Protein backbone atom coordinates (compact mmCIF):
# COMPACT_ATOMS: atom_id res chain seq x y z
CA UNK A 1 157.68 33.38 -16.07
CA UNK A 2 157.21 37.13 -16.35
CA UNK A 3 159.84 39.44 -15.02
CA UNK A 4 159.61 42.96 -13.62
CA UNK A 5 160.99 45.59 -16.12
CA UNK A 6 162.36 48.97 -15.22
CA UNK A 7 159.85 51.80 -15.45
CA UNK A 8 160.63 55.42 -16.14
CA UNK A 9 161.99 57.20 -13.12
CA UNK A 10 163.04 54.05 -11.14
CA UNK A 11 166.71 54.64 -11.69
CA UNK A 12 166.52 58.28 -10.63
CA UNK A 13 164.68 57.18 -7.41
CA UNK A 14 167.32 54.55 -6.79
CA UNK A 15 170.03 57.14 -6.86
CA UNK A 16 168.41 58.69 -3.85
CA UNK A 17 167.60 55.37 -2.17
CA UNK A 18 169.02 56.49 1.17
CA UNK A 19 166.41 59.13 1.39
CA UNK A 20 163.33 58.03 -0.56
CA UNK A 21 160.92 55.18 -0.80
CA UNK A 22 158.35 54.59 -3.49
CA UNK A 23 154.90 55.16 -2.06
CA UNK A 24 152.21 52.52 -2.46
CA UNK A 25 148.77 51.81 -1.22
CA UNK A 26 147.95 52.58 2.37
CA UNK A 27 147.48 49.38 4.51
CA UNK A 28 144.70 48.80 6.97
CA UNK A 29 146.84 49.78 9.91
CA UNK A 30 147.81 53.10 8.35
CA UNK A 31 151.24 51.93 7.11
CA UNK A 32 152.27 52.64 3.56
CA UNK A 33 153.56 49.92 1.31
CA UNK A 34 156.96 50.30 -0.27
CA UNK A 35 157.37 49.49 -3.88
CA UNK A 36 160.60 48.05 -5.43
CA UNK A 37 163.15 50.44 -6.98
CA UNK A 38 164.84 47.50 -8.84
CA UNK A 39 163.69 44.78 -11.06
CA UNK A 40 163.55 41.31 -9.59
CA UNK A 41 166.24 39.90 -11.84
CA UNK A 42 168.62 42.83 -10.96
CA UNK A 43 169.07 41.17 -7.51
CA UNK A 44 171.24 38.42 -9.06
CA UNK A 45 174.62 39.69 -7.98
CA UNK A 46 177.31 39.58 -5.30
CA UNK A 47 176.85 41.32 -1.96
CA UNK A 48 179.64 42.30 0.41
CA UNK A 49 178.61 41.85 4.07
CA UNK A 50 180.77 41.99 7.13
CA UNK A 51 183.51 39.40 7.14
CA UNK A 52 182.07 37.47 4.15
CA UNK A 53 180.23 37.58 0.83
CA UNK A 54 176.74 36.65 -0.21
CA UNK A 55 175.73 35.53 -3.71
CA UNK A 56 172.24 35.57 -5.20
CA UNK A 57 171.97 32.95 -7.84
CA UNK A 58 168.25 33.13 -8.83
CA UNK A 59 165.61 35.79 -8.60
CA UNK A 60 162.15 35.11 -10.13
CA UNK A 61 158.90 37.03 -10.04
CA UNK A 62 156.06 34.86 -8.66
CA UNK A 63 152.48 35.89 -9.35
CA UNK A 64 150.02 36.39 -6.55
CA UNK A 65 147.99 33.34 -5.46
CA UNK A 66 145.10 32.88 -3.08
CA UNK A 67 147.58 32.49 -0.16
CA UNK A 68 150.53 34.58 -1.16
CA UNK A 69 151.14 38.09 -2.59
CA UNK A 70 153.07 38.70 -5.77
CA UNK A 71 156.77 38.50 -4.75
CA UNK A 72 160.32 38.20 -5.92
CA UNK A 73 161.69 34.72 -4.97
CA UNK A 74 165.37 34.95 -4.25
CA UNK A 75 167.79 32.09 -3.67
CA UNK A 76 171.51 32.18 -2.97
CA UNK A 77 174.21 31.44 -0.40
CA UNK A 78 176.60 33.12 2.03
CA UNK A 79 180.20 31.84 1.64
CA UNK A 80 181.07 29.19 2.04
CA UNK A 81 177.92 27.09 2.15
CA UNK A 82 175.03 28.79 3.93
CA UNK A 83 172.13 28.58 1.55
CA UNK A 84 169.16 30.88 1.93
CA UNK A 85 165.88 31.89 0.35
CA UNK A 86 164.23 35.34 0.54
CA UNK A 87 160.71 36.26 -0.58
CA UNK A 88 160.08 39.97 -1.36
CA UNK A 89 156.55 41.27 -1.82
CA UNK A 90 156.22 43.66 -4.73
CA UNK A 91 153.05 45.52 -3.61
CA UNK A 92 152.35 44.93 0.12
CA UNK A 93 155.77 45.32 1.77
CA UNK A 94 155.74 47.92 4.63
CA UNK A 95 159.30 47.75 5.83
CA UNK A 96 159.10 44.58 7.95
CA UNK A 97 161.58 41.70 7.69
CA UNK A 98 160.91 38.26 9.20
CA UNK A 99 163.53 35.54 9.36
CA UNK A 100 162.34 32.03 10.24
CA UNK A 101 164.28 29.46 12.26
CA UNK A 102 165.03 25.89 11.25
CA UNK A 103 164.17 22.79 13.24
CA UNK A 104 166.18 19.72 14.22
CA UNK A 105 169.70 19.61 12.81
CA UNK A 106 168.27 21.65 9.88
CA UNK A 107 169.87 20.80 6.54
CA UNK A 108 166.87 21.92 4.53
CA UNK A 109 165.38 25.32 3.47
CA UNK A 110 161.82 25.27 4.46
CA UNK A 111 159.55 27.48 2.35
CA UNK A 112 159.33 30.76 4.34
CA UNK A 113 155.69 31.51 4.75
CA UNK A 114 154.31 35.01 4.80
CA UNK A 115 152.71 35.71 8.22
CA UNK A 116 148.93 35.81 8.24
CA UNK A 117 146.74 38.42 10.05
CA UNK A 118 149.76 40.23 11.27
CA UNK A 119 149.33 43.98 11.44
CA UNK A 120 146.99 43.53 9.70
CA UNK A 121 147.47 40.97 6.93
CA UNK A 122 149.99 38.67 5.21
CA UNK A 123 152.47 39.97 2.68
CA UNK A 124 153.69 42.98 4.64
CA UNK A 125 156.91 41.21 5.63
CA UNK A 126 159.87 40.18 3.46
CA UNK A 127 160.60 36.65 4.72
CA UNK A 128 163.68 34.45 4.68
CA UNK A 129 164.94 31.07 5.73
CA UNK A 130 168.19 29.11 5.57
CA UNK A 131 169.56 25.53 5.70
CA UNK A 132 172.07 26.53 8.37
CA UNK A 133 175.02 25.74 6.11
CA UNK A 134 174.62 22.09 5.19
CA UNK A 135 172.39 19.64 3.38
CA UNK A 136 170.75 16.83 5.26
CA UNK A 137 170.32 13.48 3.75
CA UNK A 138 168.22 10.36 4.23
CA UNK A 139 164.48 9.77 5.06
CA UNK A 140 164.67 12.30 7.85
CA UNK A 141 167.15 14.98 6.72
CA UNK A 142 166.63 17.20 9.67
CA UNK A 143 167.83 14.39 11.86
CA UNK A 144 170.95 13.67 9.85
CA UNK A 145 174.31 14.52 11.38
CA UNK A 146 176.83 12.94 8.93
CA UNK A 147 177.64 16.36 7.42
CA UNK A 148 179.29 17.38 10.70
CA UNK A 149 181.52 14.36 11.25
CA UNK A 150 184.80 16.01 10.09
CA UNK A 151 183.66 19.54 9.09
CA UNK A 152 184.18 22.23 11.74
CA UNK A 153 183.03 25.01 9.40
CA UNK A 154 179.70 23.29 8.82
CA UNK A 155 179.35 22.76 12.56
CA UNK A 156 180.03 26.38 13.27
CA UNK A 157 177.54 27.51 10.68
CA UNK A 158 174.88 25.37 12.36
CA UNK A 159 175.94 26.20 15.93
CA UNK A 160 175.98 29.97 15.67
CA UNK A 161 176.93 31.60 12.40
CA UNK A 162 174.23 30.86 9.75
CA UNK A 163 171.19 32.76 11.14
CA UNK A 164 173.45 35.85 11.67
CA UNK A 165 175.07 36.01 8.27
CA UNK A 166 171.69 35.35 6.53
CA UNK A 167 170.20 38.28 8.42
CA UNK A 168 173.00 40.43 7.06
CA UNK A 169 172.63 39.17 3.54
CA UNK A 170 168.78 39.42 3.52
CA UNK A 171 168.91 43.04 4.67
CA UNK A 172 171.43 43.95 2.00
CA UNK A 173 169.11 42.35 -0.65
CA UNK A 174 166.13 44.11 0.78
CA UNK A 175 167.87 47.49 0.73
CA UNK A 176 168.85 46.93 -2.98
CA UNK A 177 165.27 45.89 -3.97
CA UNK A 178 163.28 48.52 -2.05
CA UNK A 179 165.86 51.27 -1.72
CA UNK A 180 166.10 51.15 2.07
CA UNK A 181 166.88 48.63 4.75
CA UNK A 182 164.00 47.20 6.77
CA UNK A 183 162.39 49.53 9.30
CA UNK A 184 161.81 46.59 11.70
CA UNK A 185 163.43 43.13 11.81
CA UNK A 186 162.00 40.08 13.39
CA UNK A 187 163.08 36.49 14.03
CA UNK A 188 160.75 33.69 14.93
CA UNK A 189 161.57 30.05 15.47
CA UNK A 190 160.69 26.94 17.45
CA UNK A 191 162.79 24.03 18.75
CA UNK A 192 166.20 24.47 17.15
CA UNK A 193 164.76 27.64 15.65
CA UNK A 194 163.95 28.80 19.27
CA UNK A 195 167.52 28.10 20.17
CA UNK A 196 168.62 30.25 17.21
CA UNK A 197 166.21 33.00 18.36
CA UNK A 198 167.72 33.06 21.86
CA UNK A 199 171.26 32.87 20.51
CA UNK A 200 170.64 35.86 18.26
CA UNK A 201 169.47 37.93 21.19
CA UNK A 202 172.53 36.85 23.17
CA UNK A 203 175.35 37.03 20.59
CA UNK A 204 174.07 39.36 17.85
CA UNK A 205 171.88 41.87 19.78
CA UNK A 206 171.63 44.34 16.90
CA UNK A 207 170.30 41.94 14.26
CA UNK A 208 166.62 41.94 15.28
CA UNK A 209 164.17 44.25 16.99
CA UNK A 210 161.77 41.62 17.99
CA UNK A 211 162.50 37.88 18.64
CA UNK A 212 160.10 34.95 19.27
CA UNK A 213 161.66 31.94 20.78
CA UNK A 214 159.38 28.86 20.88
CA UNK A 215 160.27 25.69 22.83
CA UNK A 216 163.94 26.63 22.56
CA UNK A 217 166.52 23.89 22.35
CA UNK A 218 168.77 26.22 24.33
CA UNK A 219 170.50 23.48 26.29
CA UNK A 220 171.76 21.98 23.11
CA UNK A 221 174.61 19.86 24.49
CA UNK A 222 172.62 18.42 27.36
CA UNK A 223 169.61 17.90 25.10
CA UNK A 224 171.38 15.13 23.18
CA UNK A 225 171.66 13.21 26.51
CA UNK A 226 168.00 13.89 27.12
CA UNK A 227 167.01 12.44 23.74
CA UNK A 228 169.19 9.40 24.44
CA UNK A 229 167.44 8.97 27.76
CA UNK A 230 163.98 9.08 26.19
CA UNK A 231 165.02 6.35 23.69
CA UNK A 232 166.90 4.13 26.03
CA UNK A 233 164.23 4.37 28.83
CA UNK A 234 161.65 2.82 26.41
CA UNK A 235 163.92 0.18 24.82
CA UNK A 236 163.82 -3.40 26.03
CA UNK A 237 166.89 -5.68 26.18
CA UNK A 238 165.82 -7.24 22.90
CA UNK A 239 165.59 -3.76 21.24
CA UNK A 240 161.78 -3.59 21.16
CA UNK A 241 159.68 -0.74 22.42
CA UNK A 242 158.42 -1.19 25.93
CA UNK A 243 155.44 1.14 25.75
CA UNK A 244 153.10 0.58 22.81
CA UNK A 245 150.84 3.14 21.00
CA UNK A 246 147.76 1.37 22.45
CA UNK A 247 148.91 1.96 26.00
CA UNK A 248 149.54 5.70 25.69
CA UNK A 249 145.78 6.67 25.92
CA UNK A 250 145.53 4.44 28.97
CA UNK A 251 148.30 6.37 30.72
CA UNK A 252 147.10 9.72 29.45
CA UNK A 253 143.54 9.22 30.61
CA UNK A 254 144.74 8.16 34.01
CA UNK A 255 146.81 11.36 34.27
CA UNK A 256 143.77 13.49 33.26
CA UNK A 257 141.59 11.66 35.79
CA UNK A 258 144.01 12.45 38.53
CA UNK A 259 144.95 16.01 37.63
CA UNK A 260 142.54 17.67 35.21
CA UNK A 261 140.58 19.52 37.94
CA UNK A 262 143.56 20.43 40.06
CA UNK A 263 143.47 23.95 38.54
CA UNK A 264 139.80 24.28 39.53
CA UNK A 265 138.36 23.47 36.13
CA UNK A 266 137.63 20.08 34.58
CA UNK A 267 138.23 21.01 30.88
CA UNK A 268 140.27 18.12 29.53
CA UNK A 269 143.60 19.82 29.95
CA UNK A 270 146.25 20.32 32.63
CA UNK A 271 147.19 23.95 33.03
CA UNK A 272 150.36 23.35 35.08
CA UNK A 273 151.74 19.78 35.11
CA UNK A 274 153.92 20.62 38.18
CA UNK A 275 150.76 20.54 40.28
CA UNK A 276 149.85 17.11 39.13
CA UNK A 277 150.49 14.34 41.71
CA UNK A 278 150.24 11.19 39.56
CA UNK A 279 151.79 7.77 40.26
CA UNK A 280 152.00 5.42 37.22
CA UNK A 281 151.70 2.44 39.62
CA UNK A 282 147.92 3.28 39.77
CA UNK A 283 147.55 1.79 36.27
CA UNK A 284 149.81 -1.25 36.82
CA UNK A 285 148.21 -4.50 35.82
CA UNK A 286 147.27 -6.58 38.82
CA UNK A 287 148.03 -9.80 36.88
CA UNK A 288 148.50 -10.56 33.22
CA UNK A 289 148.86 -7.77 30.67
CA UNK A 290 145.55 -6.22 29.74
CA UNK A 291 144.56 -3.42 27.23
CA UNK A 292 143.39 -1.29 30.16
CA UNK A 293 146.59 -1.36 32.26
CA UNK A 294 150.37 -1.14 32.03
CA UNK A 295 152.80 -3.97 32.66
CA UNK A 296 155.50 -3.55 35.31
CA UNK A 297 158.08 -2.77 32.55
CA UNK A 298 155.80 -0.15 31.05
CA UNK A 299 155.24 1.49 34.42
CA UNK A 300 158.98 1.60 34.98
CA UNK A 301 159.57 3.15 31.53
CA UNK A 302 156.92 5.77 32.20
CA UNK A 303 158.51 6.72 35.55
CA UNK A 304 161.90 7.18 33.88
CA UNK A 305 160.40 9.34 31.13
CA UNK A 306 158.66 11.60 33.60
CA UNK A 307 161.78 11.86 35.80
CA UNK A 308 164.26 12.81 33.04
CA UNK A 309 167.95 11.77 32.82
CA UNK A 310 170.02 11.38 35.95
CA UNK A 311 173.45 10.03 36.72
CA UNK A 312 174.42 7.14 38.99
CA UNK A 313 174.17 9.53 42.02
CA UNK A 314 170.75 10.81 41.13
CA UNK A 315 171.94 14.18 39.84
CA UNK A 316 169.92 15.70 37.06
CA UNK A 317 171.64 15.77 33.64
CA UNK A 318 168.83 17.90 32.19
CA UNK A 319 166.41 20.35 33.83
CA UNK A 320 163.24 18.29 33.48
CA UNK A 321 161.60 15.25 32.06
CA UNK A 322 158.35 14.51 30.21
CA UNK A 323 155.33 16.51 31.45
CA UNK A 324 152.20 14.89 32.80
CA UNK A 325 149.75 15.37 29.96
CA UNK A 326 152.27 14.84 27.14
CA UNK A 327 151.67 11.09 26.79
CA UNK A 328 149.70 11.14 23.51
CA UNK A 329 152.63 12.86 21.85
CA UNK A 330 155.16 10.12 22.85
CA UNK A 331 154.23 8.02 19.76
CA UNK A 332 156.87 8.81 17.17
CA UNK A 333 159.14 10.89 19.42
CA UNK A 334 159.73 8.33 22.14
CA UNK A 335 158.06 5.28 20.64
CA UNK A 336 159.36 4.31 17.21
CA UNK A 337 157.61 4.72 13.86
CA UNK A 338 157.59 1.22 12.22
CA UNK A 339 160.63 0.83 9.98
CA UNK A 340 161.99 4.28 10.83
CA UNK A 341 162.62 4.51 14.57
CA UNK A 342 161.87 7.29 17.04
CA UNK A 343 162.78 10.86 16.55
CA UNK A 344 164.57 10.89 19.92
CA UNK A 345 166.70 7.88 18.84
CA UNK A 346 167.64 9.44 15.44
CA UNK A 347 168.62 12.78 17.03
CA UNK A 348 170.51 11.20 19.86
CA UNK A 349 172.45 8.77 17.65
CA UNK A 350 173.38 11.30 14.97
CA UNK A 351 174.15 14.00 17.54
CA UNK A 352 176.44 11.68 19.60
CA UNK A 353 178.18 10.09 16.62
CA UNK A 354 178.76 13.10 14.41
CA UNK A 355 178.09 16.56 16.02
CA UNK A 356 178.56 17.14 19.70
CA UNK A 357 182.01 15.84 20.52
CA UNK A 358 185.14 17.74 19.31
CA UNK A 359 186.57 16.55 15.97
CA UNK A 360 189.39 14.15 16.60
CA UNK A 361 188.22 13.18 20.06
CA UNK A 362 186.38 9.96 20.95
CA UNK A 363 182.64 10.13 20.28
CA UNK A 364 179.79 7.88 21.37
CA UNK A 365 176.42 6.63 20.19
CA UNK A 366 172.92 5.97 21.38
CA UNK A 367 173.79 2.37 22.36
CA UNK A 368 176.99 3.25 24.18
CA UNK A 369 176.56 6.63 25.78
CA UNK A 370 176.81 6.83 29.59
CA UNK A 371 174.55 8.92 31.72
CA UNK A 372 177.33 10.30 33.89
CA UNK A 373 178.66 13.69 34.86
CA UNK A 374 181.85 12.88 33.08
CA UNK A 375 179.95 12.28 29.81
CA UNK A 376 177.97 15.49 30.34
CA UNK A 377 181.19 17.53 30.69
CA UNK A 378 182.76 15.75 27.65
CA UNK A 379 179.80 17.07 25.62
CA UNK A 380 180.32 20.61 26.87
CA UNK A 381 183.61 21.18 24.99
CA UNK A 382 181.81 21.27 21.70
CA UNK A 383 178.16 21.65 22.76
CA UNK A 384 178.75 25.06 24.46
CA UNK A 385 179.18 26.61 20.98
CA UNK A 386 175.59 25.74 20.19
CA UNK A 387 174.04 26.39 23.63
CA UNK A 388 171.99 29.56 23.94
CA UNK A 389 172.14 29.82 27.70
CA UNK A 390 173.85 33.20 28.38
CA UNK A 391 171.92 35.31 30.87
CA UNK A 392 173.55 38.55 29.74
CA UNK A 393 171.11 40.05 27.24
CA UNK A 394 171.92 43.62 28.31
CA UNK A 395 173.02 44.68 24.86
CA UNK A 396 169.78 43.37 23.32
CA UNK A 397 167.78 45.28 25.94
CA UNK A 398 169.75 48.42 25.51
CA UNK A 399 169.17 48.22 21.77
CA UNK A 400 165.41 48.34 22.44
CA UNK A 401 164.93 44.58 21.56
CA UNK A 402 161.85 42.70 22.63
CA UNK A 403 161.94 38.99 23.44
CA UNK A 404 158.91 36.73 23.63
CA UNK A 405 159.58 33.09 24.80
CA UNK A 406 156.96 30.45 24.77
CA UNK A 407 156.77 26.74 25.47
CA UNK A 408 153.88 24.27 25.31
CA UNK A 409 153.21 22.54 28.65
CA UNK A 410 152.82 19.13 27.00
CA UNK A 411 156.01 19.33 24.89
CA UNK A 412 157.23 15.71 24.37
CA UNK A 413 160.53 16.72 22.80
CA UNK A 414 162.05 19.48 24.91
CA UNK A 415 160.97 19.66 28.61
CA UNK A 416 159.23 23.01 29.36
CA UNK A 417 160.82 23.00 32.75
CA UNK A 418 164.15 23.96 31.08
CA UNK A 419 162.65 27.09 29.57
CA UNK A 420 161.16 28.03 33.00
CA UNK A 421 164.60 27.47 34.60
CA UNK A 422 166.22 29.78 32.01
CA UNK A 423 163.58 32.47 32.42
CA UNK A 424 163.83 32.52 36.19
CA UNK A 425 167.61 32.80 36.05
CA UNK A 426 167.30 35.49 33.28
CA UNK A 427 164.74 37.37 35.55
CA UNK A 428 167.08 37.28 38.57
CA UNK A 429 169.99 38.45 36.39
CA UNK A 430 167.87 41.26 34.92
CA UNK A 431 166.57 42.92 38.08
CA UNK A 432 163.45 41.01 38.83
CA UNK A 433 160.08 40.25 37.16
CA UNK A 434 158.87 43.87 36.64
CA UNK A 435 162.09 45.00 35.00
CA UNK A 436 162.44 41.91 32.91
CA UNK A 437 158.86 42.08 31.60
CA UNK A 438 159.63 45.50 30.15
CA UNK A 439 161.51 43.67 27.41
CA UNK A 440 161.22 39.92 27.88
CA UNK A 441 158.06 37.90 28.52
CA UNK A 442 157.33 34.14 28.76
CA UNK A 443 154.05 32.39 27.74
CA UNK A 444 153.12 28.82 28.63
CA UNK A 445 150.17 27.45 26.55
CA UNK A 446 148.64 24.45 28.23
CA UNK A 447 148.34 21.07 26.50
CA UNK A 448 150.45 21.97 23.52
CA UNK A 449 152.95 19.45 22.13
CA UNK A 450 156.29 20.34 20.54
CA UNK A 451 155.86 23.61 18.52
CA UNK A 452 152.37 22.64 17.20
CA UNK A 453 149.54 20.21 17.95
CA UNK A 454 148.15 19.32 21.23
CA UNK A 455 145.59 17.55 23.26
CA UNK A 456 143.18 20.50 23.36
CA UNK A 457 145.16 23.57 22.12
CA UNK A 458 147.17 23.11 18.97
CA UNK A 459 148.28 26.56 17.73
CA UNK A 460 150.20 29.39 19.30
CA UNK A 461 151.98 32.27 17.50
CA UNK A 462 152.82 35.51 19.29
CA UNK A 463 154.42 37.21 16.25
CA UNK A 464 151.56 39.77 15.93
CA UNK A 465 151.88 40.73 19.60
CA UNK A 466 155.61 40.97 19.32
CA UNK A 467 155.36 43.29 16.40
CA UNK A 468 152.92 45.46 18.30
CA UNK A 469 155.31 45.65 21.19
CA UNK A 470 158.25 46.65 18.99
CA UNK A 471 156.40 49.15 16.75
CA UNK A 472 153.74 50.59 19.11
CA UNK A 473 155.11 49.91 22.56
CA UNK A 474 152.14 47.64 23.39
CA UNK A 475 153.58 44.91 25.66
CA UNK A 476 151.66 41.67 25.19
CA UNK A 477 149.14 41.19 27.98
CA UNK A 478 147.71 38.02 26.49
CA UNK A 479 148.11 35.85 23.43
CA UNK A 480 145.25 33.59 22.27
CA UNK A 481 146.05 29.82 21.80
CA UNK A 482 143.79 28.01 19.44
CA UNK A 483 142.66 24.36 19.29
CA UNK A 484 141.56 22.81 15.85
CA UNK A 485 140.22 19.36 15.06
CA UNK A 486 141.39 17.16 12.25
CA UNK A 487 139.19 19.09 9.83
CA UNK A 488 140.69 22.39 10.80
CA UNK A 489 137.61 23.54 12.67
CA UNK A 490 138.27 25.74 15.85
CA UNK A 491 137.28 23.72 18.92
CA UNK A 492 138.82 25.89 21.62
CA UNK A 493 140.43 29.27 22.20
CA UNK A 494 142.18 30.13 25.48
CA UNK A 495 144.09 33.26 26.56
CA UNK A 496 147.73 32.69 27.65
CA UNK A 497 148.94 35.48 29.93
CA UNK A 498 152.52 36.50 30.68
CA UNK A 499 154.04 34.00 33.04
CA UNK A 500 153.53 33.53 35.93
CA UNK A 501 149.91 34.68 35.42
CA UNK A 502 147.45 31.92 34.55
CA UNK A 503 144.07 31.87 32.89
CA UNK A 504 141.12 31.53 35.32
CA UNK A 505 137.59 30.75 34.20
CA UNK A 506 135.26 33.54 35.12
CA UNK A 507 132.42 31.22 35.84
CA UNK A 508 130.16 32.11 32.82
CA UNK A 509 129.90 30.89 29.25
CA UNK A 510 131.74 28.13 27.38
CA UNK A 511 135.17 26.92 28.65
CA UNK A 512 136.17 26.68 24.99
CA UNK A 513 135.87 30.51 24.51
CA UNK A 514 138.85 32.65 25.42
CA UNK A 515 136.57 35.60 26.34
CA UNK A 516 135.47 33.75 29.42
CA UNK A 517 138.90 33.74 31.13
CA UNK A 518 140.72 36.36 33.14
CA UNK A 519 144.32 36.62 34.34
CA UNK A 520 145.09 35.28 37.82
CA UNK A 521 148.27 35.01 39.84
CA UNK A 522 149.75 31.57 40.70
CA UNK A 523 148.12 29.82 43.64
CA UNK A 524 151.51 29.64 45.43
CA UNK A 525 154.94 31.24 45.12
CA UNK A 526 156.97 29.65 42.33
CA UNK A 527 160.67 28.77 42.27
CA UNK A 528 161.48 27.59 38.80
CA UNK A 529 165.25 27.31 39.08
CA UNK A 530 166.32 23.63 38.95
CA UNK A 531 169.26 22.14 40.71
CA UNK A 532 171.09 20.20 37.93
CA UNK A 533 174.70 19.60 36.93
CA UNK A 534 174.68 22.07 33.99
CA UNK A 535 174.11 25.32 35.85
CA UNK A 536 177.68 26.39 35.02
CA UNK A 537 176.76 26.50 31.31
CA UNK A 538 175.07 29.87 31.78
CA UNK A 539 178.46 31.37 32.43
CA UNK A 540 180.35 29.92 29.40
CA UNK A 541 180.22 32.43 26.55
CA UNK A 542 179.69 30.99 23.08
CA UNK A 543 181.71 32.13 20.07
CA UNK A 544 180.48 34.60 17.55
CA UNK A 545 180.96 34.86 13.73
């Protein structure tokens, strides 16, 4: 594979790296690309960063393809075991750095993709990803927890350290390669990556200028109980799944029939499931089990899934349950894949056995865990280290940071009500909606499942709008959600406005065209704060690296 060689004058320019950049071609938005001042292979070295050391082990020049620009592909680790990968464009970099979050229990380095169509095209960002300090094993490595059983350092890397130290290492590498640190730094993640995004704003407010937190697993300790509830609520005494894949469309169609038009538009999606008044008993079989109805046991399972976990006194152990409209996404997450099990069961069992109780203290398992306040509090001793629930983001705001949260209304994995609960508490703590929206905004795309996919809308990415907010001061007034079919064809676009605004059809044109919708206030005053047993978690500070 070809390597970049030094050209005449590069070393001279590098000597003045604090003051100069190498000019390149002007980009479509007027920005000027920055060319490297070092050869790609010169990045293989040791880098001192605060409190630790980073090591680059490989650096290879990758030719341009139809989907990616030419770039230097860098791999290494931050001591002791946080592996990372950084991709550095050689001709289209304009001073932007994007770090991507990692889902589940991580344990893998996903290929960091260059953003597409982002001010104005892909390749303008240097991009990075990490495994969060451990390697997952098995058929579902991002659900593995055995690495954490007796390794507090690995836990702490995953809980709160890895994204921070990788940001420090990546910026040092970027400064070495291009001659200057990034002008603007961004973080974008969903699920556990969304948790990492919020945690960075809370505990490391100077790391990133713009942060996108999608479907954040912010309530990490309580979330393991929620996953256990999902699995146990759908498991019969003999270990079989109560609900079957064939019955999910029956339930989903009944929900749509009852609630699709509540928002004033029959368009095959539910804009706000909280306004849905649906009783699963309406699809209960009158006699023997039939393909068009649910058995008594299936109705009972559905009710438990919608309700979310509670203790013996009816107190909520998580702020929310499954949303009306999410039913088609339950297959695989709540219902098991043949021979593999459900994602909720894998995450709950691994989390309870290996990750979320203090080392040396009694743990639990999916089969044995109790849905009690005492068990909830037992999980807090270790779980608070991973939670991203602090309401004090003052340092991030003062640093000029911009935060965009988003959560799909039909998320089957992490209840969207939890994100609404957090945002309301953050808004109250930050001086009210107007003040909060100066630096933090929430978007709730209808019908979207966990991070991607959905019944009608399947894609949502507010990175472009976040960058415009950071770099141009243009606060996002809307983000377009897109729906695609199995062939990748666009079937619907819909604007998503900053919460609590909703999209209202203007009465003309296709309901599948975003241009035919306008922002509208909620139909009634909203109170999104939920009374549950974990409200004290907002006031327990998590540790920092």
